[in-house]
Amino acid sequence: MERLSERVAIVTGGAGGILAAAARALAAEGASAVVADIRDTEGTDLAAELGTPARYPHLDFSGEDDWQRALAETERALGPVSVLVNIAGIIGCRSRPWNSHPTGSGSAPSTPAPYAPG
């Protein structure tokens, strides 16, 4: 069954682990799977495994320029994106928001700051 035929699906962080499994599942359902990641070798290998029309664009999901380039390349080659699995993570992040906490403790505050709309 190809419930996702004629759909273009981007999977951020899709070069490995559970997100690679998500890319495989989307492709198995007929989607044009786009494996977007910073791990070029693994991403290229997975796109090749999935076959045409799967693609691999390098994507550092934290950078707007990378997003614009990856989306433009994808839409030029495959058409508009209709599915986004955007759950890539950062492992070993050196810059954490709590590093500059006013207490200077360098650890996460025990109580989050209240939300103030504004």
C-alpha atoms as a PDB file:
ATOM      1  CA  MET A   1       0.000   0.000   0.000  1.00  0.00           C
ATOM      2  CA  GLU A   2       1.321   3.434  -0.890  1.00  0.00           C
ATOM      3  CA  ARG A   3      -0.716   5.835   1.229  1.00  0.00           C
ATOM      4  CA  LEU A   4       1.830   8.614   0.725  1.00  0.00           C
ATOM      5  CA  SER A   5       2.352   8.460  -3.015  1.00  0.00           C
ATOM      6  CA  GLU A   6       2.927  11.862  -4.561  1.00  0.00           C
ATOM      7  CA  ARG A   7       3.997  13.260  -1.171  1.00  0.00           C
ATOM      8  CA  VAL A   8       7.400  14.768  -0.426  1.00  0.00           C
ATOM      9  CA  ALA A   9       8.614  14.108   3.109  1.00  0.00           C
ATOM     10  CA  ILE A  10      11.662  15.677   4.785  1.00  0.00           C
ATOM     11  CA  VAL A  11      13.115  13.912   7.821  1.00  0.00           C
ATOM     12  CA  THR A  12      15.596  16.055   9.764  1.00  0.00           C
ATOM     13  CA  GLY A  13      18.294  14.008  11.456  1.00  0.00           C
ATOM     14  CA  GLY A  14      17.210  11.156   9.200  1.00  0.00           C
ATOM     15  CA  ALA A  15      20.631   9.656   8.523  1.00  0.00           C
ATOM     16  CA  GLY A  16      20.555   7.272  11.450  1.00  0.00           C
ATOM     17  CA  GLY A  17      18.655   5.656  14.271  1.00  0.00           C
ATOM     18  CA  ILE A  18      14.921   5.931  14.655  1.00  0.00           C
ATOM     19  CA  LEU A  19      14.759   8.801  12.173  1.00  0.00           C
ATOM     20  CA  ALA A  20      16.342   6.632   9.481  1.00  0.00           C
ATOM     21  CA  ALA A  21      13.594   4.113  10.278  1.00  0.00           C
ATOM     22  CA  ALA A  22      11.053   6.919   9.828  1.00  0.00           C
ATOM     23  CA  ALA A  23      12.536   7.772   6.424  1.00  0.00           C
ATOM     24  CA  ARG A  24      12.369   4.098   5.428  1.00  0.00           C
ATOM     25  CA  ALA A  25       8.743   3.853   6.563  1.00  0.00           C
ATOM     26  CA  LEU A  26       7.760   6.989   4.635  1.00  0.00           C
ATOM     27  CA  ALA A  27       9.469   5.668   1.501  1.00  0.00           C
ATOM     28  CA  ALA A  28       7.767   2.285   1.936  1.00  0.00           C
ATOM     29  CA  GLU A  29       4.434   4.110   1.958  1.00  0.00           C
ATOM     30  CA  GLY A  30       5.299   5.798  -1.330  1.00  0.00           C
ATOM     31  CA  ALA A  31       6.627   9.184  -0.201  1.00  0.00           C
ATOM     32  CA  SER A  32       9.610  10.809  -1.840  1.00  0.00           C
ATOM     33  CA  ALA A  33      11.805  10.653   1.243  1.00  0.00           C
ATOM     34  CA  VAL A  34      14.321  13.419   1.830  1.00  0.00           C
ATOM     35  CA  VAL A  35      16.948  12.442   4.396  1.00  0.00           C
ATOM     36  CA  ALA A  36      18.244  15.767   5.746  1.00  0.00           C
ATOM     37  CA  ASP A  37      21.178  15.668   8.155  1.00  0.00           C
ATOM     38  CA  ILE A  38      24.738  16.824   8.816  1.00  0.00           C
ATOM     39  CA  ARG A  39      26.058  13.268   8.539  1.00  0.00           C
ATOM     40  CA  ASP A  40      26.785  13.309   4.825  1.00  0.00           C
ATOM     41  CA  THR A  41      28.075   9.761   4.343  1.00  0.00           C
ATOM     42  CA  GLU A  42      25.236   8.121   6.279  1.00  0.00           C
ATOM     43  CA  GLY A  43      22.613  10.366   4.673  1.00  0.00           C
ATOM     44  CA  THR A  44      23.873   9.761   1.153  1.00  0.00           C
ATOM     45  CA  ASP A  45      24.024   6.000   1.800  1.00  0.00           C
ATOM     46  CA  LEU A  46      20.463   5.926   3.139  1.00  0.00           C
ATOM     47  CA  ALA A  47      19.104   7.954   0.220  1.00  0.00           C
ATOM     48  CA  ALA A  48      20.820   5.508  -2.160  1.00  0.00           C
ATOM     49  CA  GLU A  49      19.325   2.576  -0.252  1.00  0.00           C
ATOM     50  CA  LEU A  50      15.842   4.102  -0.528  1.00  0.00           C
ATOM     51  CA  GLY A  51      16.304   4.604  -4.263  1.00  0.00           C
ATOM     52  CA  THR A  52      14.827   7.158  -6.606  1.00  0.00           C
ATOM     53  CA  PRO A  53      13.320   9.648  -5.850  1.00  0.00           C
ATOM     54  CA  ALA A  54      14.903   9.769  -2.359  1.00  0.00           C
ATOM     55  CA  ARG A  55      17.424  12.553  -1.843  1.00  0.00           C
ATOM     56  CA  TYR A  56      19.983  13.725   0.671  1.00  0.00           C
ATOM     57  CA  PRO A  57      20.569  17.429   1.254  1.00  0.00           C
ATOM     58  CA  HIS A  58      23.077  18.478   3.891  1.00  0.00           C
ATOM     59  CA  LEU A  59      21.057  20.303   6.553  1.00  0.00           C
ATOM     60  CA  ASP A  60      22.196  21.835   9.804  1.00  0.00           C
ATOM     61  CA  PHE A  61      18.678  22.368  11.076  1.00  0.00           C
ATOM     62  CA  SER A  62      19.804  25.180  13.383  1.00  0.00           C
ATOM     63  CA  GLY A  63      20.748  27.420  10.430  1.00  0.00           C
ATOM     64  CA  GLU A  64      18.186  29.336   8.392  1.00  0.00           C
ATOM     65  CA  ASP A  65      20.432  29.409   5.307  1.00  0.00           C
ATOM     66  CA  ASP A  66      20.701  25.602   5.313  1.00  0.00           C
ATOM     67  CA  TRP A  67      16.911  25.331   5.600  1.00  0.00           C
ATOM     68  CA  GLN A  68      16.331  27.673   2.681  1.00  0.00           C
ATOM     69  CA  ARG A  69      18.856  25.831   0.504  1.00  0.00           C
ATOM     70  CA  ALA A  70      17.548  22.351   1.425  1.00  0.00           C
ATOM     71  CA  LEU A  71      13.932  23.354   0.802  1.00  0.00           C
ATOM     72  CA  ALA A  72      14.763  25.020  -2.504  1.00  0.00           C
ATOM     73  CA  GLU A  73      16.743  21.971  -3.704  1.00  0.00           C
ATOM     74  CA  THR A  74      13.984  19.605  -2.604  1.00  0.00           C
ATOM     75  CA  GLU A  75      11.152  21.582  -4.175  1.00  0.00           C
ATOM     76  CA  ARG A  76      13.095  22.064  -7.413  1.00  0.00           C
ATOM     77  CA  ALA A  77      13.713  18.308  -7.700  1.00  0.00           C
ATOM     78  CA  LEU A  78      10.557  16.806  -6.192  1.00  0.00           C
ATOM     79  CA  GLY A  79       7.880  19.455  -5.779  1.00  0.00           C
ATOM     80  CA  PRO A  80       6.361  21.025  -2.684  1.00  0.00           C
ATOM     81  CA  VAL A  81       7.047  19.489   0.706  1.00  0.00           C
ATOM     82  CA  SER A  82       3.908  18.063   2.299  1.00  0.00           C
ATOM     83  CA  VAL A  83       5.367  16.112   5.248  1.00  0.00           C
ATOM     84  CA  LEU A  84       7.961  17.307   7.747  1.00  0.00           C
ATOM     85  CA  VAL A  85       9.407  15.093  10.464  1.00  0.00           C
ATOM     86  CA  ASN A  86      11.400  17.729  12.314  1.00  0.00           C
ATOM     87  CA  ILE A  87      12.719  16.050  15.449  1.00  0.00           C
ATOM     88  CA  ALA A  88      16.469  16.057  14.902  1.00  0.00           C
ATOM     89  CA  GLY A  89      18.400  16.628  18.091  1.00  0.00           C
ATOM     90  CA  ILE A  90      21.694  18.077  19.146  1.00  0.00           C
ATOM     91  CA  ILE A  91      23.974  15.748  21.072  1.00  0.00           C
ATOM     92  CA  GLY A  92      26.810  17.222  23.073  1.00  0.00           C
ATOM     93  CA  CYS A  93      25.669  20.791  22.600  1.00  0.00           C
ATOM     94  CA  ARG A  94      28.291  23.149  24.006  1.00  0.00           C
ATOM     95  CA  SER A  95      26.071  26.187  24.159  1.00  0.00           C
ATOM     96  CA  ARG A  96      23.172  25.693  26.537  1.00  0.00           C
ATOM     97  CA  PRO A  97      20.755  28.432  27.509  1.00  0.00           C
ATOM     98  CA  TRP A  98      21.448  27.909  31.186  1.00  0.00           C
ATOM     99  CA  ASN A  99      25.198  28.533  30.789  1.00  0.00           C
ATOM    100  CA  SER A 100      24.454  32.240  31.049  1.00  0.00           C
ATOM    101  CA  HIS A 101      21.919  31.951  33.865  1.00  0.00           C
ATOM    102  CA  PRO A 102      22.026  35.043  36.122  1.00  0.00           C
ATOM    103  CA  THR A 103      23.021  32.930  39.129  1.00  0.00           C
ATOM    104  CA  GLY A 104      26.278  32.173  37.353  1.00  0.00           C
ATOM    105  CA  SER A 105      25.934  28.590  38.510  1.00  0.00           C
ATOM    106  CA  GLY A 106      26.333  27.105  35.043  1.00  0.00           C
ATOM    107  CA  SER A 107      23.516  24.683  35.735  1.00  0.00           C
ATOM    108  CA  ALA A 108      19.892  24.678  34.768  1.00  0.00           C
ATOM    109  CA  PRO A 109      17.711  26.766  37.035  1.00  0.00           C
ATOM    110  CA  SER A 110      15.530  24.679  39.311  1.00  0.00           C
ATOM    111  CA  THR A 111      12.481  26.826  38.628  1.00  0.00           C
ATOM    112  CA  PRO A 112      11.733  28.023  35.107  1.00  0.00           C
ATOM    113  CA  ALA A 113      11.150  31.711  34.594  1.00  0.00           C
ATOM    114  CA  PRO A 114       7.475  32.630  34.363  1.00  0.00           C
ATOM    115  CA  TYR A 115       6.022  33.185  30.928  1.00  0.00           C
ATOM    116  CA  ALA A 116       5.415  36.837  30.245  1.00  0.00           C
ATOM    117  CA  PRO A 117       3.598  37.540  26.990  1.00  0.00           C
ATOM    118  CA  GLY A 118       4.765  40.538  25.346  1.00  0.00           C
END
